[in-house]
Amino acid sequence: MKMFIAVIVGLIGGFILGIALSSLIGIIGITVFNQAMGIKFLPYYTAVVCSVIVPIIEYKKGR
């Protein structure tokens, strides 16, 4: 049950992190290069990565 909750937290947190990173990359791109920049589907990529990393960290912390 703890692993499932860790995966869900990783998905939600990773998605929010991806939105923040995408916005930051867009702001930097407009400011520095005067054109829109970004990584397509970045929130989804970070959600998947975080849904793998958070359970691993939780497992190591529990040992």
Protein backbone atom coordinates (compact mmCIF):
# COMPACT_ATOMS: atom_id res chain seq x y z
CA MET A 1 0.00 0.00 0.00
CA LYS A 2 2.88 2.35 0.79
CA MET A 3 4.38 1.72 -2.65
CA PHE A 4 1.09 2.51 -4.38
CA ILE A 5 0.77 5.79 -2.48
CA ALA A 6 4.38 6.62 -3.33
CA VAL A 7 3.69 6.03 -7.03
CA ILE A 8 0.59 8.25 -6.94
CA VAL A 9 2.47 10.99 -5.08
CA GLY A 10 5.28 10.68 -7.63
CA LEU A 11 2.86 11.02 -10.53
CA ILE A 12 1.13 14.09 -9.13
CA GLY A 13 4.33 15.73 -7.92
CA GLY A 14 6.16 14.98 -11.15
CA PHE A 15 3.36 16.46 -13.21
CA ILE A 16 3.38 19.65 -11.16
CA LEU A 17 7.18 19.77 -11.37
CA GLY A 18 6.96 19.35 -15.16
CA ILE A 19 4.51 22.24 -15.47
CA ALA A 20 6.81 24.46 -13.41
CA LEU A 21 9.89 23.46 -15.43
CA SER A 22 8.03 23.98 -18.69
CA SER A 23 7.01 27.47 -17.63
CA LEU A 24 10.55 28.28 -16.51
CA ILE A 25 12.03 27.06 -19.80
CA GLY A 26 9.45 29.13 -21.70
CA ILE A 27 10.23 32.28 -19.71
CA ILE A 28 13.98 31.84 -20.18
CA GLY A 29 13.50 31.17 -23.90
CA ILE A 30 11.43 34.30 -24.42
CA THR A 31 13.80 36.42 -22.35
CA VAL A 32 17.09 35.21 -23.83
CA PHE A 33 16.25 34.13 -27.38
CA ASN A 34 13.06 36.13 -28.12
CA GLN A 35 11.21 32.99 -29.20
CA ALA A 36 9.12 30.37 -27.50
CA MET A 37 11.05 27.31 -26.37
CA GLY A 38 10.16 24.16 -24.53
CA ILE A 39 10.09 20.41 -24.40
CA LYS A 40 6.94 18.82 -25.74
CA PHE A 41 5.04 16.75 -23.12
CA LEU A 42 7.55 17.63 -20.36
CA PRO A 43 4.96 17.28 -17.53
CA TYR A 44 4.18 13.73 -18.65
CA TYR A 45 7.85 12.77 -18.85
CA THR A 46 8.60 14.13 -15.39
CA ALA A 47 5.50 12.42 -13.97
CA VAL A 48 6.69 9.04 -15.24
CA VAL A 49 10.25 9.60 -14.00
CA CYS A 50 9.09 10.75 -10.57
CA SER A 51 6.64 7.85 -10.27
CA VAL A 52 9.68 5.55 -10.51
CA ILE A 53 12.09 7.59 -8.37
CA VAL A 54 9.77 8.33 -5.41
CA PRO A 55 9.05 4.65 -4.56
CA ILE A 56 12.77 3.87 -4.79
CA ILE A 57 13.57 6.67 -2.35
CA GLU A 58 10.71 5.57 -0.08
CA TYR A 59 11.97 1.99 -0.10
CA LYS A 60 15.54 3.00 0.74
CA LYS A 61 14.32 5.34 3.49
CA GLY A 62 12.26 2.58 5.08
CA ARG A 63 15.17 0.16 5.40
